[in-house]
Structure formats: structure tokens, C-alpha cells
């Protein structure tokens, strides 16, 4: 190759290639991945209709929500509202039962057909069915002594995203009937009692004591046979005292297998002790259930009652700490629940309690995904005067890095997380005084006081190699905001 050819070759190939490689290498050093575009979509949860104890039929409720500008609505009617006390040994036959309106009493198929019809009528609205469930309660006292008490009847769990009638009919609660698999499991016992009955019938054709024995055996075997037939889908009953977390964990796991989500509702309710006709009901606050159960999706972090589990270092932080330490598969997420029955009930209106979802698209599946992954925050106000969390993110303190992660995300950092918080309240909230608390792994690390709108940029000079921590925030003053955590793993 002559000299001129060599010069032409290097000019046409090597020099452009070297420049291109240099450009891409430099660009890579300063490249910042584009931020994911999230839209804030307020959702209404924990709403009752006339399928249970709500004041409005589903269409009226949907219309009310649409008029107020909501496009995501969760219906959480009661799956069963039953109290039942039976006498031994045939408690499933000889019993006193009181049952009110519910999904399963009206028919789960009818409930879901109603939801399907409303989805067609209001295609721009995302309507998600579910339940408010009482998996378990137990009796103490005696109807003869006048102190019969139903304990834990108001330990409630919300389910969301159940789309099949059998999902509702086979939930393991005390007063759902046996499922097909449970009937098959009971077949040996049923066959044994049927055989006893046939033997008893044979004895009836004998004389003397044989006939009397046959009559007694026939009654007993028929009674036990029918007692199994009328048994319930839950393996627990209301007559053997407190059963700990087991009935609730069974329920949570069953809903998960059906593809649904579960949220503990109002864990610190103060309204659970009162007289109810000839009996008493007694449900004490149950925040400990958040630690005793696993793999539920979340809990009510805001509702119309006192709550302390969201205070720094309390139950929620203990559960989040267990997740960070590897003792819990998933973190529990906080939502806002309304317990809405009618406009003005308990001084509250539709829209006062909102769970605001961070969505990349408006769809049924993206809503459920946001709930599963903690892409949301809970807020409370007096509609339409509702506070807004415009930003809550964590990123690296140094510039030209990846965009900040939001609630439900996890990022890996070397040191010094940068936390951005922006809260506002619209025209009505402008100038209102608020207090924002920043919490790191259960410890309150900073309190910010100011007026709306408020913009916070805080760098936490922290590095704990190999450790997973989290940040969360809340706001009070102009309503309430409780944000879900952002997790940070420090590089080793």
C-alpha cells in the first residue's frame, strides 16, 4: 500500500471511528436516562352500595364519583353480613341466624354482571369490584346467661380485583358454604354416616332394644350427616375461642391465589365495642395483625378514626424494617379508605379520602399494578379542598445521575441520598401552614414547616454499605398526606 493510499484509508476509516467511539464514551458518562412519565390519578376506595349496607345503588354511586371528577372507583361491598349461633352437637342445623344484605346473599354473579354493565355504560371510568370481609369471629359467654358476645366481628379486610363469582362464593369466611373440593374431602365422613344410617334402618325392623337402638342411631347419623352438608368453607368455627392470625392468613393466601389484593381496614377502630340487640359485639383495635400476618398487599393508613401505626417507629415501620432485613417477602403499602355509605355520613363526603395512584397509563391493569407495587399515596381533606403531593423522590446527590425514584421503587446508591418533596393545595390551599415529616427507616430525621405550596430539597449525608433503608414522608395542616416508602440499597 503506497503512502497516499495509507493516508486515504486512515482518513476514511480510523479517524471517524475513533471520533465516534470518543463521542459515545463521553456521552455515556453524562447520559441521564429519561424519567418515567407518571400521571396522578385519584381513586376512591372502600365504597358500599345497596348490594350491602350502602345508601346508593352502584350506578348512582358511579355517577356521583364521575360528577366529582374521579375516574377510578373501587366497590367494596360486604361479601357476607351474618351472625350465627348454633347449639351443640348440631351447630350447623339448630341455630339462630341473622343475615343482612351482601354480595353473596344477593348473588356474586349478579354483583359482577352489574359491574360489567357499568363498565360498558361508563367506558372512561375504571371500576374495580371487591369486598369488605370478616374472615373470622368467635363467641364468648352464653345466650342463657345474657352475656353472649361476638368477638372480632369488625376485624375487616378489603379485597380488590376479584372478577369471578366463584371467587366470592369460595372465600374462606365463616358463613360461606363448602366448596366442591371441601365436599370431596368430606366424602369419607359422609359415607361413614350414611353407612351408619343404613345399619340403623336395618335395626328398625328388629324387635325390642334393637329397634330403639336403631332409632337413636338413625337420628344421630342423619344429624351428623346434615351437619357436614351444612358446614362452611372455612376450617375454623366461632365456638373454639380466639384462633390468632391463622384464619386471616388463610383468607389472605386464598385471595392471593385468586389473583386479588388484600388490605387490612381501619386497624385501630374505636367503634367496635357496643350492644347489638340481645348480644354484645367486641372488636378491640388490632394493629398487631399487620405484624402477625404476611403477604397482604397493604393497610388503611388514613381513614375516619384515630391511627398511630403510621407514626415513626410504630407498627408500619416495624413491618417495613422486616422487609428490608429479609424477614418479610413484600412491604405493606398504605392506602386511604372511606367506609363510605352515604353523602354526609359521619360528617364525611365522597372524595374526602383519596388514594392517589401514579400511573403510566389509565387502564384496569395499571391500576392494580400500582396498588401491588406501592405507586401511590394516601390523602384526606374536605373535598374539593384536598392536599396534593406533586413530588416525592429519592436520587443520588451528585448531578447528572438517573432521575429520582418514587414510592414503591428501589434504587442502589453509593452515598448521600437526595430527597425531593413538593406539596401543594390548589388555590384554596395557597398560604396554608403545613408540617412535613421525613422519616428514614422508622426514625424521624427532619421536620419542615412552611406554607403551601412547599418545595423541599434535602440531602441525607448517609452511607451504610450493603444495607437497605427506606424513606417515607407525611404532611399535616391542610389535610393529611401519607406517602409510601422509597427503598435505598447502599453499594458495598
Protein backbone atom coordinates (compact mmCIF):
# COMPACT_ATOMS: atom_id res chain seq x y z
CA UNK A 1 0.00 0.00 0.00
CA UNK A 2 1.54 3.35 -1.02
CA UNK A 3 1.67 6.44 1.19
CA UNK A 4 -1.31 8.17 -0.41
CA UNK A 5 -3.43 5.03 -0.03
CA UNK A 6 -2.47 4.79 3.62
CA UNK A 7 -3.47 8.40 4.25
CA UNK A 8 -6.79 7.92 2.48
CA UNK A 9 -7.52 4.76 4.44
CA UNK A 10 -6.88 6.33 7.89
CA UNK A 11 -8.83 9.43 6.99
CA UNK A 12 -11.85 7.48 5.77
CA UNK A 13 -11.98 4.78 8.45
CA UNK A 14 -9.89 5.13 11.56
CA UNK A 15 -10.28 8.81 12.35
CA UNK A 16 -14.11 8.83 12.08
CA UNK A 17 -14.28 5.61 14.09
CA UNK A 18 -12.09 6.97 16.86
CA UNK A 19 -14.12 10.19 17.00
CA UNK A 20 -17.37 8.24 17.16
CA UNK A 21 -16.13 5.99 19.94
CA UNK A 22 -14.87 9.01 21.87
CA UNK A 23 -18.21 10.76 21.45
CA UNK A 24 -20.22 7.76 22.70
CA UNK A 25 -17.87 7.22 25.64
CA UNK A 26 -18.17 10.85 26.76
CA UNK A 27 -21.92 10.86 26.16
CA UNK A 28 -22.31 7.72 28.25
CA UNK A 29 -20.64 9.42 31.20
CA UNK A 30 -23.12 12.30 31.15
CA UNK A 31 -26.21 10.47 29.89
CA UNK A 32 -29.23 10.69 32.18
CA UNK A 33 -31.98 8.13 31.46
CA UNK A 34 -35.30 9.81 30.76
CA UNK A 35 -37.70 9.93 33.68
CA UNK A 36 -40.77 7.74 33.51
CA UNK A 37 -43.82 9.91 32.86
CA UNK A 38 -46.34 9.29 35.65
CA UNK A 39 -49.80 10.78 35.89
CA UNK A 40 -51.50 11.31 39.24
CA UNK A 41 -54.93 9.65 39.25
CA UNK A 42 -57.06 9.94 42.43
CA UNK A 43 -59.02 6.80 43.30
CA UNK A 44 -61.95 6.19 45.65
CA UNK A 45 -61.82 3.02 47.77
CA UNK A 46 -63.95 1.27 50.37
CA UNK A 47 -67.35 2.27 48.97
CA UNK A 48 -70.62 0.47 49.81
CA UNK A 49 -73.70 0.16 47.62
CA UNK A 50 -77.17 -1.30 48.07
CA UNK A 51 -75.63 -4.72 47.48
CA UNK A 52 -74.74 -4.49 51.18
CA UNK A 53 -75.33 -1.57 53.57
CA UNK A 54 -74.75 1.43 51.28
CA UNK A 55 -77.41 4.07 50.58
CA UNK A 56 -76.93 4.19 46.78
CA UNK A 57 -77.19 1.62 44.03
CA UNK A 58 -73.94 1.05 42.09
CA UNK A 59 -74.90 3.22 39.11
CA UNK A 60 -75.87 6.17 41.30
CA UNK A 61 -72.59 5.89 43.18
CA UNK A 62 -70.61 5.72 39.95
CA UNK A 63 -72.42 8.79 38.63
CA UNK A 64 -71.64 10.68 41.86
CA UNK A 65 -67.94 9.80 41.53
CA UNK A 66 -67.85 10.79 37.85
CA UNK A 67 -69.51 14.15 38.56
CA UNK A 68 -66.78 14.87 41.10
CA UNK A 69 -64.10 14.11 38.53
CA UNK A 70 -62.99 10.64 39.64
CA UNK A 71 -62.14 8.04 37.04
CA UNK A 72 -61.04 5.12 39.31
CA UNK A 73 -63.60 3.63 41.70
CA UNK A 74 -63.33 0.55 43.92
CA UNK A 75 -66.52 -1.07 45.21
CA UNK A 76 -66.02 -2.93 48.49
CA UNK A 77 -69.40 -4.27 49.50
CA UNK A 78 -69.65 -6.83 52.29
CA UNK A 79 -69.31 -10.39 51.00
CA UNK A 80 -71.41 -11.71 53.91
CA UNK A 81 -73.03 -9.94 56.86
CA UNK A 82 -74.03 -12.80 59.15
CA UNK A 83 -74.13 -13.60 62.83
CA UNK A 84 -74.99 -17.16 63.69
CA UNK A 85 -75.07 -19.08 66.95
CA UNK A 86 -75.73 -22.82 66.96
CA UNK A 87 -76.37 -25.31 69.73
CA UNK A 88 -74.18 -28.42 70.10
CA UNK A 89 -73.82 -31.04 68.83
CA UNK A 90 -75.61 -29.91 65.65
CA UNK A 91 -74.49 -26.29 65.49
CA UNK A 92 -74.95 -26.08 61.72
CA UNK A 93 -78.60 -27.17 61.96
CA UNK A 94 -80.00 -26.00 65.30
CA UNK A 95 -79.07 -22.32 65.23
CA UNK A 96 -80.17 -18.71 65.38
CA UNK A 97 -79.05 -16.74 62.33
CA UNK A 98 -79.28 -13.08 61.35
CA UNK A 99 -78.18 -12.09 57.85
CA UNK A 100 -78.21 -8.68 56.14
CA UNK A 101 -77.69 -7.67 52.52
CA UNK A 102 -74.40 -8.73 51.00
CA UNK A 103 -72.76 -9.75 47.73
CA UNK A 104 -73.21 -13.46 48.29
CA UNK A 105 -76.75 -13.12 49.62
CA UNK A 106 -77.80 -11.19 46.51
CA UNK A 107 -75.62 -13.37 44.29
CA UNK A 108 -71.99 -12.80 43.30
CA UNK A 109 -72.89 -13.38 39.65
CA UNK A 110 -75.47 -10.56 39.80
CA UNK A 111 -72.93 -8.29 41.50
CA UNK A 112 -70.31 -8.85 38.80
CA UNK A 113 -72.85 -8.54 35.98
CA UNK A 114 -73.83 -5.16 37.42
CA UNK A 115 -70.17 -4.08 37.43
CA UNK A 116 -69.73 -5.32 33.84
CA UNK A 117 -72.79 -3.35 32.74
CA UNK A 118 -71.50 -0.16 34.35
CA UNK A 119 -68.12 -0.61 32.66
CA UNK A 120 -69.92 -0.57 29.30
CA UNK A 121 -72.03 2.46 30.23
CA UNK A 122 -69.01 4.40 31.53
CA UNK A 123 -66.03 3.31 29.41
CA UNK A 124 -63.84 6.18 30.64
CA UNK A 125 -64.20 5.04 34.23
CA UNK A 126 -62.12 2.22 35.75
CA UNK A 127 -64.43 0.27 38.06
CA UNK A 128 -62.88 -2.48 40.19
CA UNK A 129 -65.03 -4.82 42.30
CA UNK A 130 -64.08 -6.37 45.61
CA UNK A 131 -65.30 -6.96 49.14
CA UNK A 132 -65.06 -5.95 52.73
CA UNK A 133 -64.69 -9.26 54.51
CA UNK A 134 -64.94 -10.58 58.05
CA UNK A 135 -62.90 -13.79 57.83
CA UNK A 136 -63.49 -14.82 61.43
CA UNK A 137 -65.17 -14.04 64.74
CA UNK A 138 -65.73 -16.09 67.88
CA UNK A 139 -68.31 -16.34 70.63
CA UNK A 140 -67.81 -15.97 74.36
CA UNK A 141 -70.44 -16.04 77.09
CA UNK A 142 -73.80 -17.74 76.85
CA UNK A 143 -77.23 -16.85 75.48
CA UNK A 144 -78.71 -18.25 78.69
CA UNK A 145 -76.55 -16.04 80.93
CA UNK A 146 -77.29 -12.90 78.89
CA UNK A 147 -73.61 -12.20 78.15
CA UNK A 148 -73.22 -13.69 74.67
CA UNK A 149 -70.51 -11.70 72.87
CA UNK A 150 -69.30 -11.79 69.26
CA UNK A 151 -65.57 -11.03 69.37
CA UNK A 152 -63.56 -9.56 66.48
CA UNK A 153 -66.56 -9.32 64.15
CA UNK A 154 -65.21 -5.99 62.87
CA UNK A 155 -61.71 -7.15 62.03
CA UNK A 156 -62.11 -6.35 58.38
CA UNK A 157 -60.02 -6.98 55.27
CA UNK A 158 -60.69 -5.34 51.90
CA UNK A 159 -60.26 -7.39 48.76
CA UNK A 160 -59.80 -5.89 45.30
CA UNK A 161 -59.73 -7.27 41.80
CA UNK A 162 -61.84 -10.44 42.23
CA UNK A 163 -63.59 -10.95 38.90
CA UNK A 164 -65.31 -14.36 39.08
CA UNK A 165 -68.46 -15.35 41.01
CA UNK A 166 -66.70 -18.39 42.48
CA UNK A 167 -64.00 -16.07 43.84
CA UNK A 168 -66.61 -14.62 46.19
CA UNK A 169 -68.56 -17.79 46.87
CA UNK A 170 -65.49 -19.76 48.00
CA UNK A 171 -63.76 -17.18 50.17
CA UNK A 172 -62.77 -18.91 53.45
CA UNK A 173 -65.04 -16.94 55.76
CA UNK A 174 -67.25 -18.45 58.43
CA UNK A 175 -70.56 -18.31 56.57
CA UNK A 176 -69.72 -19.31 53.01
CA UNK A 177 -70.83 -22.82 52.07
CA UNK A 178 -68.49 -25.68 51.31
CA UNK A 179 -66.62 -25.56 48.02
CA UNK A 180 -66.53 -28.56 45.72
CA UNK A 181 -63.04 -29.57 46.86
CA UNK A 182 -64.09 -29.43 50.51
CA UNK A 183 -67.18 -31.57 49.82
CA UNK A 184 -64.92 -34.12 48.13
CA UNK A 185 -62.62 -34.06 51.15
CA UNK A 186 -65.61 -34.69 53.43
CA UNK A 187 -66.86 -37.65 51.39
CA UNK A 188 -65.30 -40.35 53.65
CA UNK A 189 -67.09 -38.91 56.71
CA UNK A 190 -70.34 -38.55 54.77
CA UNK A 191 -70.05 -42.15 53.56
CA UNK A 192 -69.43 -43.35 57.13
CA UNK A 193 -72.52 -41.57 58.48
CA UNK A 194 -74.60 -42.84 55.53
CA UNK A 195 -73.48 -46.39 56.31
CA UNK A 196 -74.44 -45.89 59.97
CA UNK A 197 -77.85 -44.65 58.86
CA UNK A 198 -78.41 -47.72 56.67
CA UNK A 199 -77.41 -50.01 59.56
CA UNK A 200 -79.83 -48.09 61.80
CA UNK A 201 -82.64 -48.62 59.30
CA UNK A 202 -81.89 -52.35 59.36
CA UNK A 203 -82.16 -52.31 63.21
CA UNK A 204 -85.56 -50.60 62.96
CA UNK A 205 -87.00 -53.80 61.53
CA UNK A 206 -85.91 -55.74 64.61
CA UNK A 207 -87.76 -56.00 67.91
CA UNK A 208 -87.07 -54.67 71.40
CA UNK A 209 -83.83 -52.85 72.14
CA UNK A 210 -82.61 -53.36 68.58
CA UNK A 211 -85.44 -51.15 67.28
CA UNK A 212 -84.79 -48.45 69.93
CA UNK A 213 -81.03 -48.53 69.23
CA UNK A 214 -81.76 -48.25 65.52
CA UNK A 215 -83.93 -45.18 66.06
CA UNK A 216 -81.25 -43.43 68.15
CA UNK A 217 -78.51 -44.37 65.68
CA UNK A 218 -80.61 -43.18 62.73
CA UNK A 219 -81.21 -39.78 64.31
CA UNK A 220 -77.57 -39.32 65.27
CA UNK A 221 -76.13 -40.41 61.93
CA UNK A 222 -78.65 -38.27 59.99
CA UNK A 223 -77.85 -35.31 62.24
CA UNK A 224 -74.10 -35.61 61.79
CA UNK A 225 -74.54 -36.18 58.05
CA UNK A 226 -76.59 -32.97 57.68
CA UNK A 227 -74.22 -31.08 59.98
CA UNK A 228 -71.42 -31.76 57.50
CA UNK A 229 -73.59 -30.90 54.49
CA UNK A 230 -74.37 -27.51 56.02
CA UNK A 231 -70.79 -26.86 57.12
CA UNK A 232 -68.84 -23.83 55.95
CA UNK A 233 -65.90 -23.24 53.63
CA UNK A 234 -63.67 -22.03 56.48
CA UNK A 235 -61.99 -24.79 58.53
CA UNK A 236 -62.49 -22.56 61.60
CA UNK A 237 -65.68 -22.06 63.59
CA UNK A 238 -66.92 -19.45 66.04
CA UNK A 239 -67.10 -21.77 69.06
CA UNK A 240 -63.49 -22.56 69.98
CA UNK A 241 -62.21 -19.16 71.01
CA UNK A 242 -59.54 -16.95 69.55
CA UNK A 243 -57.53 -18.56 66.77
CA UNK A 244 -54.76 -15.98 66.40
CA UNK A 245 -53.68 -14.95 62.92
CA UNK A 246 -54.47 -18.31 61.28
CA UNK A 247 -58.00 -17.55 59.92
CA UNK A 248 -56.81 -14.24 58.49
CA UNK A 249 -53.67 -15.67 56.92
CA UNK A 250 -55.79 -18.39 55.32
CA UNK A 251 -58.03 -15.68 53.87
CA UNK A 252 -55.11 -13.56 52.61
CA UNK A 253 -53.49 -16.56 50.93
CA UNK A 254 -56.79 -17.64 49.34
CA UNK A 255 -57.37 -14.20 47.83
CA UNK A 256 -53.80 -14.13 46.50
CA UNK A 257 -54.37 -17.47 44.76
CA UNK A 258 -57.44 -15.98 43.09
CA UNK A 259 -55.33 -13.07 41.79
CA UNK A 260 -56.80 -10.50 44.19
CA UNK A 261 -55.30 -7.96 46.57
CA UNK A 262 -55.89 -7.65 50.33
CA UNK A 263 -55.76 -4.61 52.60
CA UNK A 264 -56.31 -4.57 56.34
CA UNK A 265 -59.01 -1.98 57.04
CA UNK A 266 -59.12 0.50 59.97
CA UNK A 267 -56.77 -1.49 62.26
CA UNK A 268 -57.26 0.88 65.19
CA UNK A 269 -61.03 1.32 65.06
CA UNK A 270 -62.56 2.66 68.26
CA UNK A 271 -66.16 1.79 67.38
CA UNK A 272 -66.00 -1.96 67.83
CA UNK A 273 -67.49 -2.34 71.35
CA UNK A 274 -71.25 -1.91 71.77
CA UNK A 275 -74.56 -3.63 72.41
CA UNK A 276 -76.33 -5.14 69.42
CA UNK A 277 -79.79 -6.19 70.50
CA UNK A 278 -79.61 -9.14 72.89
CA UNK A 279 -75.87 -9.65 72.33
CA UNK A 280 -72.70 -7.62 72.56
CA UNK A 281 -70.06 -7.11 69.91
CA UNK A 282 -66.47 -6.52 70.88
CA UNK A 283 -63.67 -5.70 68.46
CA UNK A 284 -60.65 -4.08 70.04
CA UNK A 285 -58.01 -2.30 67.91
CA UNK A 286 -55.90 -4.85 66.05
CA UNK A 287 -52.69 -3.18 64.78
CA UNK A 288 -50.76 -6.32 65.74
CA UNK A 289 -52.37 -8.15 62.83
CA UNK A 290 -50.15 -6.13 60.49
CA UNK A 291 -47.16 -7.94 62.01
CA UNK A 292 -48.73 -11.32 62.65
CA UNK A 293 -49.86 -11.83 59.03
CA UNK A 294 -47.80 -11.95 55.85
CA UNK A 295 -48.16 -11.24 52.13
CA UNK A 296 -51.18 -8.95 52.35
CA UNK A 297 -50.94 -6.00 49.97
CA UNK A 298 -51.34 -3.18 52.47
CA UNK A 299 -53.49 -1.48 55.06
CA UNK A 300 -55.58 1.63 55.67
CA UNK A 301 -53.05 4.33 56.56
CA UNK A 302 -55.75 7.03 56.55
CA UNK A 303 -59.41 6.57 57.48
CA UNK A 304 -62.02 8.29 59.60
CA UNK A 305 -60.61 7.34 63.00
CA UNK A 306 -57.50 7.60 65.15
CA UNK A 307 -54.40 5.91 63.76
CA UNK A 308 -50.95 5.55 65.30
CA UNK A 309 -49.40 2.67 63.32
CA UNK A 310 -48.03 5.22 60.80
CA UNK A 311 -46.15 7.15 63.50
CA UNK A 312 -42.33 6.92 63.23
CA UNK A 313 -41.08 3.67 64.70
CA UNK A 314 -44.55 2.18 65.12
CA UNK A 315 -46.08 -0.94 63.55
CA UNK A 316 -45.73 0.11 59.90
CA UNK A 317 -42.04 0.85 60.34
CA UNK A 318 -41.51 -2.47 62.11
CA UNK A 319 -43.07 -4.29 59.14
CA UNK A 320 -41.03 -2.25 56.63
CA UNK A 321 -37.90 -2.98 58.65
CA UNK A 322 -38.68 -6.70 58.46
CA UNK A 323 -38.89 -6.38 54.68
CA UNK A 324 -35.55 -4.57 54.50
CA UNK A 325 -33.97 -7.27 56.67
CA UNK A 326 -35.35 -10.10 54.53
CA UNK A 327 -37.86 -11.40 57.09
CA UNK A 328 -40.88 -10.34 55.01
CA UNK A 329 -41.40 -11.06 51.31
CA UNK A 330 -43.15 -7.82 50.50
CA UNK A 331 -43.64 -4.46 52.17
CA UNK A 332 -47.16 -3.42 53.21
CA UNK A 333 -48.43 -0.33 51.36
CA UNK A 334 -50.65 2.39 52.81
CA UNK A 335 -53.96 3.48 51.26
CA UNK A 336 -56.86 5.77 52.26
CA UNK A 337 -60.19 4.07 52.92
CA UNK A 338 -63.52 5.86 53.20
CA UNK A 339 -66.02 3.39 54.72
CA UNK A 340 -68.44 5.38 52.55
CA UNK A 341 -72.15 4.59 52.86
CA UNK A 342 -73.84 7.90 52.02
CA UNK A 343 -73.08 11.55 51.41
CA UNK A 344 -72.71 13.36 54.72
CA UNK A 345 -72.48 10.15 56.74
CA UNK A 346 -70.35 10.70 59.85
CA UNK A 347 -69.76 14.23 58.55
CA UNK A 348 -67.84 12.98 55.51
CA UNK A 349 -68.49 13.17 51.80
CA UNK A 350 -67.44 11.22 48.75
CA UNK A 351 -63.93 12.31 47.84
CA UNK A 352 -62.71 13.27 51.32
CA UNK A 353 -60.49 10.16 51.39
CA UNK A 354 -58.39 9.52 48.29
CA UNK A 355 -55.68 7.09 47.26
CA UNK A 356 -53.73 8.85 44.51
CA UNK A 357 -52.14 6.43 42.05
CA UNK A 358 -49.02 7.09 39.98
CA UNK A 359 -49.91 5.63 36.57
CA UNK A 360 -48.06 5.42 33.28
CA UNK A 361 -51.37 4.72 31.54
CA UNK A 362 -55.01 4.70 32.52
CA UNK A 363 -56.08 1.07 32.47
CA UNK A 364 -57.55 -1.56 34.75
CA UNK A 365 -54.29 -3.50 34.87
CA UNK A 366 -52.10 -0.45 35.52
CA UNK A 367 -54.30 0.49 38.48
CA UNK A 368 -53.89 -2.95 40.06
CA UNK A 369 -50.16 -2.88 39.32
CA UNK A 370 -49.82 0.48 41.07
CA UNK A 371 -51.54 -0.98 44.13
CA UNK A 372 -49.30 -4.04 44.13
CA UNK A 373 -46.10 -2.02 43.78
CA UNK A 374 -46.83 0.91 46.11
CA UNK A 375 -47.06 3.57 43.38
CA UNK A 376 -49.49 5.70 45.36
CA UNK A 377 -50.04 7.95 48.32
CA UNK A 378 -52.99 8.39 50.69
CA UNK A 379 -54.57 11.75 51.41
CA UNK A 380 -57.52 13.26 53.26
CA UNK A 381 -59.23 16.63 53.14
CA UNK A 382 -62.66 18.15 52.69
CA UNK A 383 -63.48 17.66 49.04
CA UNK A 384 -62.62 19.52 46.85
CA UNK A 385 -60.01 21.04 49.20
CA UNK A 386 -57.53 18.16 49.03
CA UNK A 387 -53.73 18.36 49.50
CA UNK A 388 -51.51 17.16 46.67
CA UNK A 389 -48.11 15.51 46.70
CA UNK A 390 -46.58 16.79 43.47
CA UNK A 391 -43.25 15.08 44.04
CA UNK A 392 -41.66 12.66 46.44
CA UNK A 393 -38.46 11.20 45.05
CA UNK A 394 -35.03 9.96 46.05
CA UNK A 395 -31.94 10.18 43.84
CA UNK A 396 -28.17 10.49 44.10
CA UNK A 397 -26.91 13.79 45.48
CA UNK A 398 -24.46 14.34 42.64
CA UNK A 399 -25.71 15.89 39.37
CA UNK A 400 -26.15 14.16 36.01
CA UNK A 401 -27.46 10.95 37.54
CA UNK A 402 -30.54 8.86 36.95
CA UNK A 403 -33.90 10.53 37.72
CA UNK A 404 -35.34 10.19 41.19
CA UNK A 405 -37.22 7.06 42.20
CA UNK A 406 -40.75 7.39 43.59
CA UNK A 407 -42.87 5.49 46.10
CA UNK A 408 -42.55 1.74 45.70
CA UNK A 409 -39.22 1.99 43.88
CA UNK A 410 -35.83 0.73 45.00
CA UNK A 411 -32.53 2.23 43.91
CA UNK A 412 -28.88 1.50 44.56
CA UNK A 413 -26.67 4.37 45.72
CA UNK A 414 -23.14 4.81 46.92
CA UNK A 415 -23.91 7.55 49.44
CA UNK A 416 -25.86 10.72 50.26
CA UNK A 417 -29.45 10.26 49.02
CA UNK A 418 -31.18 13.41 47.79
CA UNK A 419 -34.87 13.68 48.73
CA UNK A 420 -37.24 15.98 46.86
CA UNK A 421 -40.71 16.75 48.23
CA UNK A 422 -43.24 19.16 46.74
CA UNK A 423 -46.68 19.63 48.27
CA UNK A 424 -49.48 21.95 47.22
CA UNK A 425 -53.16 22.56 47.80
CA UNK A 426 -54.50 24.44 44.81
CA UNK A 427 -55.94 27.92 45.07
CA UNK A 428 -57.79 27.14 48.33
CA UNK A 429 -54.64 25.82 49.97
CA UNK A 430 -52.27 28.59 48.94
CA UNK A 431 -50.62 30.10 52.01
CA UNK A 432 -51.91 27.43 54.40
CA UNK A 433 -49.40 26.36 57.05
CA UNK A 434 -48.32 22.73 56.95
CA UNK A 435 -45.80 20.43 58.55
CA UNK A 436 -43.89 17.81 56.57
CA UNK A 437 -42.05 14.99 58.30
CA UNK A 438 -39.27 12.99 56.66
CA UNK A 439 -38.80 9.52 58.13
CA UNK A 440 -35.84 7.24 57.47
CA UNK A 441 -36.27 3.57 58.40
CA UNK A 442 -38.57 4.38 61.30
CA UNK A 443 -36.63 7.39 62.60
CA UNK A 444 -37.91 10.94 62.22
CA UNK A 445 -34.90 12.76 60.73
CA UNK A 446 -36.34 16.12 59.74
CA UNK A 447 -39.42 18.33 60.20
CA UNK A 448 -40.14 21.04 57.66
CA UNK A 449 -42.63 23.81 58.41
CA UNK A 450 -43.91 26.30 55.89
CA UNK A 451 -46.83 27.38 53.75
CA UNK A 452 -48.29 25.85 50.62
CA UNK A 453 -47.02 25.39 48.00
CA UNK A 454 -43.89 24.00 49.62
CA UNK A 455 -40.75 22.71 47.91
CA UNK A 456 -38.16 20.69 49.86
CA UNK A 457 -34.72 19.62 48.63
CA UNK A 458 -32.86 17.68 51.30
CA UNK A 459 -29.62 15.70 51.13
CA UNK A 460 -29.15 12.99 53.74
CA UNK A 461 -25.41 12.61 54.35
CA UNK A 462 -25.53 8.90 54.92
CA UNK A 463 -23.71 5.80 53.74
CA UNK A 464 -24.25 2.36 55.24
CA UNK A 465 -22.58 -0.12 52.85
CA UNK A 466 -24.71 -3.14 51.93
CA UNK A 467 -27.71 -2.00 53.99
CA UNK A 468 -31.23 -1.45 52.67
CA UNK A 469 -33.10 1.51 54.13
CA UNK A 470 -36.21 3.46 53.16
CA UNK A 471 -37.61 6.96 53.23
CA UNK A 472 -41.22 7.96 53.67
CA UNK A 473 -42.99 11.23 54.42
CA UNK A 474 -46.24 12.60 55.75
CA UNK A 475 -47.88 16.02 55.88
CA UNK A 476 -50.44 17.60 58.21
CA UNK A 477 -52.02 21.02 58.45
CA UNK A 478 -54.03 21.37 55.26
CA UNK A 479 -55.47 17.89 55.28
CA UNK A 480 -53.26 14.82 55.60
CA UNK A 481 -50.84 13.08 53.23
CA UNK A 482 -49.14 9.75 53.89
CA UNK A 483 -46.68 8.62 51.22
CA UNK A 484 -45.48 5.09 50.63
CA UNK A 485 -41.78 4.34 51.11
CA UNK A 486 -38.90 4.54 48.67
CA UNK A 487 -36.19 1.95 49.29
CA UNK A 488 -32.45 2.59 49.00
CA UNK A 489 -29.76 -0.08 48.90
CA UNK A 490 -26.23 1.18 49.54
CA UNK A 491 -23.49 -0.36 47.45
CA UNK A 492 -20.85 -2.31 49.36
